[in-house]
Structures are given as C-alpha cells and as structure tokens.
Amino acid sequence: MTTTRFAPSPTGLLHLGHAFSAIFAHDAARAAGGRFLLRIEDIDAGRCRPEFITAIERDLAWLGLRWDGPPRRQSAHMDDYAKALARLGARGLTYPCFCSRAEIQAEIERSGVAPHGPDGPLYPGICRALPAAEVAALLAEGRPHGLRLDMAKATAQAGPLSWSDAERGTIVAQPELFGDVVLARKETPTSYHLAVTVDDALQQVTLVTRGEDLFAATHVHRLLQALLDLPVPAWHHHRLLTDPAGRRLAKRARALTIAALRDAGHSPDEVRRMVEP
C-alpha cells in the first residue's frame, strides 16, 4: 500500500508552498488507494509553537485534506531516536562533539581551505580525533555535546548504496558529501536527519514526497536506513513554488499564507488552482 506523509515544522503559518507539498502528498496517496499521514516535526523546542500546530491542522482541513490516524509529533517520540542513536553508537559510528559554532568556524578559517558540502563548509573533525581519556573526562564533567556520525566509518560499513527518485531515476548515494553530520544536538537529543529517517520507517512510509531543496539530504537518509536496517521507500522530490522574483516561498511571506488567503475570501478550490502546474 502506498503511504505518503506531510511533515511540517510548527514554526510559522503554512504558505502556498506548503499547500502544494501537502496536496502533492495527499493526492499521490489517494490516487493509489493508499494512506496520507500528517507528522508534526517539532523537535526544535525553541522555535515550535502549539498555536502553529493548531493552525496547520485547520489549514489542511480547510483545503479539504484528510489524514489517516492521529498526527505523529516528534517531540513525543524521543525514545525512538535515542534507540537509533544507541544502535549506531554500539557499532562505533558516532562520537561526541563538544565544539561550539565559533570554534568550528575558527578552525575552518585557520585551515585556509575547507571542503564544502550541500550545507556549506564540512565539519573539520576537531572532536573525532580526541583521545578516549579526554572524551571520558569531558563527559564526566557534564560538558554539553552533540553526537556526530563518523562518515568514513559509516560509509565503509554500509558499502555502496543507491535510491530511486521519480523525477531523476536511480541515484548513487553519496552521503560523504555532508561530512560528519550531526545526529543529536546539544540542546536537542536528535536531528532532522535522524528523526525523519526513523519516523518514515516507523510510520511505514513507502513514498517520500518533498521539495527538491531536500534532494541532497536523501543521500544521508539512505545511509542511515542501511546502518539501522530500515526499509527503503521511494522518493519524489517535487518542484518548489517561488515568488514573482523567483525566490523560494518562505514563512515570512505572510501575504501568501493559507490563513491570509482564506481571510481575503479565497476558496479552497482557488488556492488549489494557485499551486497547479
């Protein structure tokens, strides 16, 4: 059975770009007689707000979208992510990172030439080579830290990988482009990469539909699936909606929020036509 999901973060109001993504996932599931799920990605406690969760559900219902089962809220499932981290740690694939952003930036500047990945300069590996005794001492004193994936070890253990995208066909996975990605942050016991991968497996998502801005992240997600022995879905990275200047729609585009369009008298059908190709 085809299962898709729409997974917004409740950090603002939904706009036309979100409407397009939600409708895309909903219609793909319904056309196949499958399930459409709603997931609230609220791991960022500092930016997520309960009122935006309410607004998300109201906007989707107003658009005529119905999801199957109760929405999954990531903040209620931290144990799932902790178990995944423990599995990776038991294989020697993670290490604690005590670096601040300023320390990382200073090291990058000192190096003169820093490799770049899809998200910018790669982490220079400051904490990867720390002696075990020093790591133990820092942990014992309660030094705040995140957890990073040792990418070289992870890719060596996983071996060659690929994944399938509806628009681009078979893609050879290249997670090493991201370097030692963060899997748990100092202030949050998980990360987007880990949480979304675990959630898609637990919710039995078979078709991941999302914007093409997240295409590169799939390299990392495919690796995590292999390391955690998780099922592999298909992907469909769709186009992004842009404003008249060609910029990707963002939550600051208040005039194009679903709420503003509804308040201006537009009907759900009119909003749907706005996002049609």
C-alpha atoms as a PDB file:
ATOM      1  CA  MET A   1       0.000   0.000   0.000  1.00  0.00           C
ATOM      2  CA  THR A   2       1.270   3.459  -0.892  1.00  0.00           C
ATOM      3  CA  THR A   3       1.784   5.613   2.202  1.00  0.00           C
ATOM      4  CA  THR A   4       2.838   9.259   1.986  1.00  0.00           C
ATOM      5  CA  ARG A   5       3.236  11.958   4.606  1.00  0.00           C
ATOM      6  CA  PHE A   6       3.258  15.727   5.005  1.00  0.00           C
ATOM      7  CA  ALA A   7       5.670  16.770   7.740  1.00  0.00           C
ATOM      8  CA  PRO A   8       5.725  20.497   8.526  1.00  0.00           C
ATOM      9  CA  SER A   9       7.553  22.155  11.397  1.00  0.00           C
ATOM     10  CA  PRO A  10       5.238  24.316  13.546  1.00  0.00           C
ATOM     11  CA  THR A  11       7.438  27.407  13.461  1.00  0.00           C
ATOM     12  CA  GLY A  12       5.037  29.593  11.480  1.00  0.00           C
ATOM     13  CA  LEU A  13       1.933  29.604   9.325  1.00  0.00           C
ATOM     14  CA  LEU A  14       1.620  27.419   6.245  1.00  0.00           C
ATOM     15  CA  HIS A  15       2.019  29.221   2.924  1.00  0.00           C
ATOM     16  CA  LEU A  16       1.290  28.294  -0.686  1.00  0.00           C
ATOM     17  CA  GLY A  17       4.469  26.247  -0.927  1.00  0.00           C
ATOM     18  CA  HIS A  18       3.306  24.101   1.975  1.00  0.00           C
ATOM     19  CA  ALA A  19      -0.113  23.782   0.381  1.00  0.00           C
ATOM     20  CA  PHE A  20       1.474  22.489  -2.809  1.00  0.00           C
ATOM     21  CA  SER A  21       3.574  19.931  -0.915  1.00  0.00           C
ATOM     22  CA  ALA A  22       0.654  18.741   1.220  1.00  0.00           C
ATOM     23  CA  ILE A  23      -1.690  18.425  -1.758  1.00  0.00           C
ATOM     24  CA  PHE A  24       1.028  16.617  -3.733  1.00  0.00           C
ATOM     25  CA  ALA A  25       1.498  14.003  -0.986  1.00  0.00           C
ATOM     26  CA  HIS A  26      -2.233  13.700  -0.296  1.00  0.00           C
ATOM     27  CA  ASP A  27      -3.187  13.230  -3.947  1.00  0.00           C
ATOM     28  CA  ALA A  28      -0.359  10.718  -4.573  1.00  0.00           C
ATOM     29  CA  ALA A  29      -1.665   8.539  -1.745  1.00  0.00           C
ATOM     30  CA  ARG A  30      -5.328   8.824  -2.646  1.00  0.00           C
ATOM     31  CA  ALA A  31      -4.700   8.111  -6.335  1.00  0.00           C
ATOM     32  CA  ALA A  32      -3.106   4.824  -5.309  1.00  0.00           C
ATOM     33  CA  GLY A  33      -5.796   3.993  -2.757  1.00  0.00           C
ATOM     34  CA  GLY A  34      -3.234   4.452  -0.004  1.00  0.00           C
ATOM     35  CA  ARG A  35      -2.697   6.344   3.225  1.00  0.00           C
ATOM     36  CA  PHE A  36      -1.821  10.002   3.787  1.00  0.00           C
ATOM     37  CA  LEU A  37      -0.193  10.815   7.133  1.00  0.00           C
ATOM     38  CA  LEU A  38       0.419  14.074   8.973  1.00  0.00           C
ATOM     39  CA  ARG A  39       3.590  14.390  11.024  1.00  0.00           C
ATOM     40  CA  ILE A  40       4.489  17.406  13.143  1.00  0.00           C
ATOM     41  CA  GLU A  41       8.260  17.875  13.178  1.00  0.00           C
ATOM     42  CA  ASP A  42       8.552  19.784  16.438  1.00  0.00           C
ATOM     43  CA  ILE A  43      11.961  18.765  17.780  1.00  0.00           C
ATOM     44  CA  ASP A  44      13.113  22.412  17.868  1.00  0.00           C
ATOM     45  CA  ALA A  45      11.558  23.392  21.194  1.00  0.00           C
ATOM     46  CA  GLY A  46      12.899  26.931  20.947  1.00  0.00           C
ATOM     47  CA  ARG A  47      11.039  27.777  17.729  1.00  0.00           C
ATOM     48  CA  CYS A  48       7.997  25.482  17.613  1.00  0.00           C
ATOM     49  CA  ARG A  49       4.689  26.760  18.988  1.00  0.00           C
ATOM     50  CA  PRO A  50       1.449  24.908  19.878  1.00  0.00           C
ATOM     51  CA  GLU A  51      -0.649  27.563  18.155  1.00  0.00           C
ATOM     52  CA  PHE A  52       1.061  26.767  14.852  1.00  0.00           C
ATOM     53  CA  ILE A  53       0.161  23.074  15.210  1.00  0.00           C
ATOM     54  CA  THR A  54      -3.469  24.099  15.571  1.00  0.00           C
ATOM     55  CA  ALA A  55      -3.136  26.382  12.554  1.00  0.00           C
ATOM     56  CA  ILE A  56      -1.552  23.614  10.445  1.00  0.00           C
ATOM     57  CA  GLU A  57      -4.422  21.227  11.118  1.00  0.00           C
ATOM     58  CA  ARG A  58      -7.020  23.957  10.472  1.00  0.00           C
ATOM     59  CA  ASP A  59      -5.426  24.991   7.171  1.00  0.00           C
ATOM     60  CA  LEU A  60      -5.125  21.429   5.873  1.00  0.00           C
ATOM     61  CA  ALA A  61      -8.715  20.630   6.801  1.00  0.00           C
ATOM     62  CA  TRP A  62      -9.882  23.827   5.098  1.00  0.00           C
ATOM     63  CA  LEU A  63      -8.071  22.731   1.928  1.00  0.00           C
ATOM     64  CA  GLY A  64     -10.062  19.506   2.044  1.00  0.00           C
ATOM     65  CA  LEU A  65      -7.150  17.267   3.038  1.00  0.00           C
ATOM     66  CA  ARG A  66      -7.856  14.400   5.426  1.00  0.00           C
ATOM     67  CA  TRP A  67      -5.062  12.426   7.052  1.00  0.00           C
ATOM     68  CA  ASP A  68      -5.200   8.872   8.299  1.00  0.00           C
ATOM     69  CA  GLY A  69      -4.798   8.379  12.028  1.00  0.00           C
ATOM     70  CA  PRO A  70      -3.616  10.900  14.596  1.00  0.00           C
ATOM     71  CA  PRO A  71      -0.669  13.132  13.670  1.00  0.00           C
ATOM     72  CA  ARG A  72       2.702  11.955  14.943  1.00  0.00           C
ATOM     73  CA  ARG A  73       4.520  14.593  16.978  1.00  0.00           C
ATOM     74  CA  GLN A  74       8.254  14.079  17.029  1.00  0.00           C
ATOM     75  CA  SER A  75       8.637  15.642  20.469  1.00  0.00           C
ATOM     76  CA  ALA A  76       6.634  12.741  21.920  1.00  0.00           C
ATOM     77  CA  HIS A  77       8.933  10.087  20.480  1.00  0.00           C
ATOM     78  CA  MET A  78      12.436  10.980  21.644  1.00  0.00           C
ATOM     79  CA  ASP A  79      12.901   7.410  22.908  1.00  0.00           C
ATOM     80  CA  ASP A  80      12.690   6.150  19.317  1.00  0.00           C
ATOM     81  CA  TYR A  81      15.559   8.395  18.275  1.00  0.00           C
ATOM     82  CA  ALA A  82      17.587   7.502  21.377  1.00  0.00           C
ATOM     83  CA  LYS A  83      17.322   3.805  20.490  1.00  0.00           C
ATOM     84  CA  ALA A  84      18.554   4.503  16.968  1.00  0.00           C
ATOM     85  CA  LEU A  85      21.476   6.531  18.316  1.00  0.00           C
ATOM     86  CA  ALA A  86      22.343   3.727  20.715  1.00  0.00           C
ATOM     87  CA  ARG A  87      22.444   1.226  17.839  1.00  0.00           C
ATOM     88  CA  LEU A  88      24.781   3.437  15.846  1.00  0.00           C
ATOM     89  CA  GLY A  89      26.932   4.065  18.914  1.00  0.00           C
ATOM     90  CA  ALA A  90      27.215   0.340  19.614  1.00  0.00           C
ATOM     91  CA  ARG A  91      28.724  -0.041  16.137  1.00  0.00           C
ATOM     92  CA  GLY A  92      31.290   2.666  16.867  1.00  0.00           C
ATOM     93  CA  LEU A  93      29.771   5.031  14.310  1.00  0.00           C
ATOM     94  CA  THR A  94      29.125   8.103  16.469  1.00  0.00           C
ATOM     95  CA  TYR A  95      31.309  10.339  18.589  1.00  0.00           C
ATOM     96  CA  PRO A  96      30.593  13.235  20.967  1.00  0.00           C
ATOM     97  CA  CYS A  97      31.277  16.708  19.626  1.00  0.00           C
ATOM     98  CA  PHE A  98      31.942  19.420  22.191  1.00  0.00           C
ATOM     99  CA  CYS A  99      32.636  22.188  19.665  1.00  0.00           C
ATOM    100  CA  SER A 100      30.785  25.480  19.594  1.00  0.00           C
ATOM    101  CA  ARG A 101      29.855  27.036  16.256  1.00  0.00           C
ATOM    102  CA  ALA A 102      32.509  29.697  16.862  1.00  0.00           C
ATOM    103  CA  GLU A 103      35.199  27.061  17.429  1.00  0.00           C
ATOM    104  CA  ILE A 104      34.236  25.228  14.261  1.00  0.00           C
ATOM    105  CA  GLN A 105      34.290  28.443  12.231  1.00  0.00           C
ATOM    106  CA  ALA A 106      37.667  29.435  13.680  1.00  0.00           C
ATOM    107  CA  GLU A 107      39.154  26.050  12.774  1.00  0.00           C
ATOM    108  CA  ILE A 108      37.777  26.316   9.240  1.00  0.00           C
ATOM    109  CA  GLU A 109      39.323  29.761   8.862  1.00  0.00           C
ATOM    110  CA  ARG A 110      42.677  28.537  10.212  1.00  0.00           C
ATOM    111  CA  SER A 111      42.740  25.673   7.731  1.00  0.00           C
ATOM    112  CA  GLY A 112      42.577  28.087   4.808  1.00  0.00           C
ATOM    113  CA  VAL A 113      40.852  25.599   2.505  1.00  0.00           C
ATOM    114  CA  ALA A 114      37.721  23.889   3.824  1.00  0.00           C
ATOM    115  CA  PRO A 115      35.814  21.290   1.789  1.00  0.00           C
ATOM    116  CA  HIS A 116      32.223  22.330   1.131  1.00  0.00           C
ATOM    117  CA  GLY A 117      29.117  20.162   1.076  1.00  0.00           C
ATOM    118  CA  PRO A 118      25.447  20.836   0.311  1.00  0.00           C
ATOM    119  CA  ASP A 119      25.047  22.656   3.634  1.00  0.00           C
ATOM    120  CA  GLY A 120      28.273  24.656   3.490  1.00  0.00           C
ATOM    121  CA  PRO A 121      31.782  24.016   4.902  1.00  0.00           C
ATOM    122  CA  LEU A 122      32.221  20.496   6.263  1.00  0.00           C
ATOM    123  CA  TYR A 123      32.936  19.891   9.918  1.00  0.00           C
ATOM    124  CA  PRO A 124      36.761  19.766  10.225  1.00  0.00           C
ATOM    125  CA  GLY A 125      36.784  16.758  12.576  1.00  0.00           C
ATOM    126  CA  ILE A 126      38.060  18.534  15.674  1.00  0.00           C
ATOM    127  CA  CYS A 127      36.487  16.103  18.154  1.00  0.00           C
ATOM    128  CA  ARG A 128      36.744  12.978  16.025  1.00  0.00           C
ATOM    129  CA  ALA A 129      40.398  12.517  16.970  1.00  0.00           C
ATOM    130  CA  LEU A 130      40.169  13.386  20.675  1.00  0.00           C
ATOM    131  CA  PRO A 131      41.887  10.820  22.922  1.00  0.00           C
ATOM    132  CA  ALA A 132      39.448   8.488  24.691  1.00  0.00           C
ATOM    133  CA  ALA A 133      40.647   9.674  28.109  1.00  0.00           C
ATOM    134  CA  GLU A 134      39.929  13.297  27.232  1.00  0.00           C
ATOM    135  CA  VAL A 135      36.468  12.412  25.918  1.00  0.00           C
ATOM    136  CA  ALA A 136      35.706  10.485  29.094  1.00  0.00           C
ATOM    137  CA  ALA A 137      36.827  13.403  31.263  1.00  0.00           C
ATOM    138  CA  LEU A 138      34.707  15.899  29.358  1.00  0.00           C
ATOM    139  CA  LEU A 139      31.672  13.649  29.591  1.00  0.00           C
ATOM    140  CA  ALA A 140      32.253  13.068  33.296  1.00  0.00           C
ATOM    141  CA  GLU A 141      32.273  16.802  33.997  1.00  0.00           C
ATOM    142  CA  GLY A 142      28.997  17.178  32.105  1.00  0.00           C
ATOM    143  CA  ARG A 143      30.339  19.187  29.184  1.00  0.00           C
ATOM    144  CA  PRO A 144      27.480  19.876  26.716  1.00  0.00           C
ATOM    145  CA  HIS A 145      27.910  17.963  23.489  1.00  0.00           C
ATOM    146  CA  GLY A 146      26.192  16.712  20.395  1.00  0.00           C
ATOM    147  CA  LEU A 147      26.699  13.443  18.549  1.00  0.00           C
ATOM    148  CA  ARG A 148      28.153  13.225  15.072  1.00  0.00           C
ATOM    149  CA  LEU A 149      28.238  10.358  12.600  1.00  0.00           C
ATOM    150  CA  ASP A 150      31.740   9.211  11.710  1.00  0.00           C
ATOM    151  CA  MET A 151      31.083   9.334   7.985  1.00  0.00           C
ATOM    152  CA  ALA A 152      34.183   7.443   6.895  1.00  0.00           C
ATOM    153  CA  LYS A 153      33.390   4.507   9.178  1.00  0.00           C
ATOM    154  CA  ALA A 154      29.683   4.616   8.341  1.00  0.00           C
ATOM    155  CA  THR A 155      30.126   4.530   4.574  1.00  0.00           C
ATOM    156  CA  ALA A 156      32.731   1.772   4.881  1.00  0.00           C
ATOM    157  CA  GLN A 157      30.322  -0.380   6.892  1.00  0.00           C
ATOM    158  CA  ALA A 158      27.331   0.324   4.656  1.00  0.00           C
ATOM    159  CA  GLY A 159      29.062  -0.175   1.323  1.00  0.00           C
ATOM    160  CA  PRO A 160      27.681   1.143  -1.997  1.00  0.00           C
ATOM    161  CA  LEU A 161      24.095   2.374  -1.832  1.00  0.00           C
ATOM    162  CA  SER A 162      21.523   3.832  -4.195  1.00  0.00           C
ATOM    163  CA  TRP A 163      17.985   5.146  -4.099  1.00  0.00           C
ATOM    164  CA  SER A 164      15.182   5.865  -6.536  1.00  0.00           C
ATOM    165  CA  ASP A 165      13.600   9.238  -7.279  1.00  0.00           C
ATOM    166  CA  ALA A 166      10.537   9.571  -9.502  1.00  0.00           C
ATOM    167  CA  GLU A 167      12.000  12.573 -11.334  1.00  0.00           C
ATOM    168  CA  ARG A 168      15.658  11.540 -11.668  1.00  0.00           C
ATOM    169  CA  GLY A 169      15.672   7.740 -11.597  1.00  0.00           C
ATOM    170  CA  THR A 170      18.290   5.709  -9.757  1.00  0.00           C
ATOM    171  CA  ILE A 171      20.703   7.827  -7.715  1.00  0.00           C
ATOM    172  CA  VAL A 172      24.043   6.603  -6.376  1.00  0.00           C
ATOM    173  CA  ALA A 173      24.160   7.624  -2.734  1.00  0.00           C
ATOM    174  CA  GLN A 174      26.989   9.998  -1.807  1.00  0.00           C
ATOM    175  CA  PRO A 175      26.482  10.765   1.894  1.00  0.00           C
ATOM    176  CA  GLU A 176      30.173  11.588   2.274  1.00  0.00           C
ATOM    177  CA  LEU A 177      29.366  14.926   0.640  1.00  0.00           C
ATOM    178  CA  PHE A 178      27.963  16.003   4.020  1.00  0.00           C
ATOM    179  CA  GLY A 179      30.943  15.008   6.171  1.00  0.00           C
ATOM    180  CA  ASP A 180      30.356  14.042   9.797  1.00  0.00           C
ATOM    181  CA  VAL A 181      26.712  15.125  10.102  1.00  0.00           C
ATOM    182  CA  VAL A 182      25.112  15.921  13.446  1.00  0.00           C
ATOM    183  CA  LEU A 183      22.707  13.224  14.665  1.00  0.00           C
ATOM    184  CA  ALA A 184      21.929  14.769  18.048  1.00  0.00           C
ATOM    185  CA  ARG A 185      22.412  18.364  19.101  1.00  0.00           C
ATOM    186  CA  LYS A 186      23.500  19.823  22.407  1.00  0.00           C
ATOM    187  CA  GLU A 187      20.074  21.302  23.026  1.00  0.00           C
ATOM    188  CA  THR A 188      18.014  18.619  21.237  1.00  0.00           C
ATOM    189  CA  PRO A 189      18.567  14.850  21.586  1.00  0.00           C
ATOM    190  CA  THR A 190      18.089  14.236  17.856  1.00  0.00           C
ATOM    191  CA  SER A 191      18.429  15.955  14.486  1.00  0.00           C
ATOM    192  CA  TYR A 192      16.365  16.314  11.338  1.00  0.00           C
ATOM    193  CA  HIS A 193      18.360  13.625   9.524  1.00  0.00           C
ATOM    194  CA  LEU A 194      17.903  11.013  12.234  1.00  0.00           C
ATOM    195  CA  ALA A 195      14.328  11.830  13.242  1.00  0.00           C
ATOM    196  CA  VAL A 196      12.889  11.885   9.728  1.00  0.00           C
ATOM    197  CA  THR A 197      14.594   8.610   8.815  1.00  0.00           C
ATOM    198  CA  VAL A 198      13.345   6.810  11.925  1.00  0.00           C
ATOM    199  CA  ASP A 199       9.841   8.286  11.577  1.00  0.00           C
ATOM    200  CA  ASP A 200       9.441   7.276   7.943  1.00  0.00           C
ATOM    201  CA  ALA A 201      10.308   3.694   8.875  1.00  0.00           C
ATOM    202  CA  LEU A 202       8.072   3.527  11.950  1.00  0.00           C
ATOM    203  CA  GLN A 203       5.161   5.064  10.053  1.00  0.00           C
ATOM    204  CA  GLN A 204       5.726   2.650   7.147  1.00  0.00           C
ATOM    205  CA  VAL A 205       6.022   5.462   4.605  1.00  0.00           C
ATOM    206  CA  THR A 206       6.567   3.949   1.165  1.00  0.00           C
ATOM    207  CA  LEU A 207       6.757   7.159  -0.891  1.00  0.00           C
ATOM    208  CA  VAL A 208       8.549  10.214   0.485  1.00  0.00           C
ATOM    209  CA  THR A 209       7.311  13.316  -1.330  1.00  0.00           C
ATOM    210  CA  ARG A 210       9.028  16.606  -0.555  1.00  0.00           C
ATOM    211  CA  GLY A 211      10.582  19.648  -2.186  1.00  0.00           C
ATOM    212  CA  GLU A 212      13.682  19.389  -4.349  1.00  0.00           C
ATOM    213  CA  ASP A 213      15.523  21.546  -1.802  1.00  0.00           C
ATOM    214  CA  LEU A 214      15.761  18.377   0.308  1.00  0.00           C
ATOM    215  CA  PHE A 215      17.064  16.202  -2.521  1.00  0.00           C
ATOM    216  CA  ALA A 216      20.660  16.215  -1.273  1.00  0.00           C
ATOM    217  CA  ALA A 217      19.614  15.243   2.262  1.00  0.00           C
ATOM    218  CA  THR A 218      18.352  11.932   0.900  1.00  0.00           C
ATOM    219  CA  HIS A 219      21.965  10.792   0.498  1.00  0.00           C
ATOM    220  CA  VAL A 220      22.305  10.863   4.290  1.00  0.00           C
ATOM    221  CA  HIS A 221      18.891   9.338   4.916  1.00  0.00           C
ATOM    222  CA  ARG A 222      19.673   6.415   2.622  1.00  0.00           C
ATOM    223  CA  LEU A 223      22.862   5.751   4.582  1.00  0.00           C
ATOM    224  CA  LEU A 224      21.054   5.836   7.925  1.00  0.00           C
ATOM    225  CA  GLN A 225      18.451   3.412   6.606  1.00  0.00           C
ATOM    226  CA  ALA A 226      21.207   0.976   5.685  1.00  0.00           C
ATOM    227  CA  LEU A 227      23.001   1.326   9.024  1.00  0.00           C
ATOM    228  CA  LEU A 228      19.782   0.864  11.012  1.00  0.00           C
ATOM    229  CA  ASP A 229      18.386  -1.943   8.834  1.00  0.00           C
ATOM    230  CA  LEU A 230      15.312   0.123   7.945  1.00  0.00           C
ATOM    231  CA  PRO A 231      13.046  -0.319   4.905  1.00  0.00           C
ATOM    232  CA  VAL A 232      13.825   1.832   1.878  1.00  0.00           C
ATOM    233  CA  PRO A 233      10.971   3.931   0.433  1.00  0.00           C
ATOM    234  CA  ALA A 234      10.792   5.531  -2.982  1.00  0.00           C
ATOM    235  CA  TRP A 235      11.197   9.306  -3.241  1.00  0.00           C
ATOM    236  CA  HIS A 236       9.580  12.004  -5.334  1.00  0.00           C
ATOM    237  CA  HIS A 237      11.239  15.395  -4.946  1.00  0.00           C
ATOM    238  CA  HIS A 238       8.877  17.909  -6.475  1.00  0.00           C
ATOM    239  CA  ARG A 239       9.397  21.438  -7.740  1.00  0.00           C
ATOM    240  CA  LEU A 240       9.348  24.425  -5.383  1.00  0.00           C
ATOM    241  CA  LEU A 241       6.949  27.323  -5.629  1.00  0.00           C
ATOM    242  CA  THR A 242       8.585  30.721  -5.942  1.00  0.00           C
ATOM    243  CA  ASP A 243       7.531  34.334  -5.617  1.00  0.00           C
ATOM    244  CA  PRO A 244       7.455  36.739  -8.623  1.00  0.00           C
ATOM    245  CA  ALA A 245      11.165  37.420  -8.074  1.00  0.00           C
ATOM    246  CA  GLY A 246      11.975  33.721  -8.337  1.00  0.00           C
ATOM    247  CA  ARG A 247      12.712  33.270  -4.639  1.00  0.00           C
ATOM    248  CA  ARG A 248      11.518  30.152  -2.829  1.00  0.00           C
ATOM    249  CA  LEU A 249       8.471  30.860  -0.698  1.00  0.00           C
ATOM    250  CA  ALA A 250       9.261  31.193   2.998  1.00  0.00           C
ATOM    251  CA  LYS A 251       7.202  31.554   6.161  1.00  0.00           C
ATOM    252  CA  ARG A 252       7.932  35.275   6.168  1.00  0.00           C
ATOM    253  CA  ALA A 253       5.772  35.576   3.020  1.00  0.00           C
ATOM    254  CA  ARG A 254       2.735  36.454   5.107  1.00  0.00           C
ATOM    255  CA  ALA A 255       0.555  37.580   2.211  1.00  0.00           C
ATOM    256  CA  LEU A 256       0.738  34.073   0.766  1.00  0.00           C
ATOM    257  CA  THR A 257      -0.111  32.143   3.931  1.00  0.00           C
ATOM    258  CA  ILE A 258      -3.165  29.896   3.746  1.00  0.00           C
ATOM    259  CA  ALA A 259      -4.738  31.869   6.590  1.00  0.00           C
ATOM    260  CA  ALA A 260      -4.264  35.196   4.784  1.00  0.00           C
ATOM    261  CA  LEU A 261      -5.688  33.821   1.548  1.00  0.00           C
ATOM    262  CA  ARG A 262      -8.684  32.391   3.408  1.00  0.00           C
ATOM    263  CA  ASP A 263      -9.249  35.680   5.228  1.00  0.00           C
ATOM    264  CA  ALA A 264      -9.062  37.501   1.890  1.00  0.00           C
ATOM    265  CA  GLY A 265     -12.030  35.477   0.664  1.00  0.00           C
ATOM    266  CA  HIS A 266     -10.322  32.866  -1.489  1.00  0.00           C
ATOM    267  CA  SER A 267     -11.914  29.416  -1.598  1.00  0.00           C
ATOM    268  CA  PRO A 268     -10.032  26.120  -1.163  1.00  0.00           C
ATOM    269  CA  ASP A 269     -10.520  25.407  -4.870  1.00  0.00           C
ATOM    270  CA  GLU A 270      -8.993  28.769  -5.778  1.00  0.00           C
ATOM    271  CA  VAL A 271      -5.947  28.038  -3.602  1.00  0.00           C
ATOM    272  CA  ARG A 272      -5.589  24.639  -5.227  1.00  0.00           C
ATOM    273  CA  ARG A 273      -5.584  26.285  -8.654  1.00  0.00           C
ATOM    274  CA  MET A 274      -2.869  28.673  -7.495  1.00  0.00           C
ATOM    275  CA  VAL A 275      -0.491  25.759  -6.955  1.00  0.00           C
ATOM    276  CA  GLU A 276      -1.320  23.769 -10.072  1.00  0.00           C
ATOM    277  CA  PRO A 277       1.497  23.451 -12.645  1.00  0.00           C
END
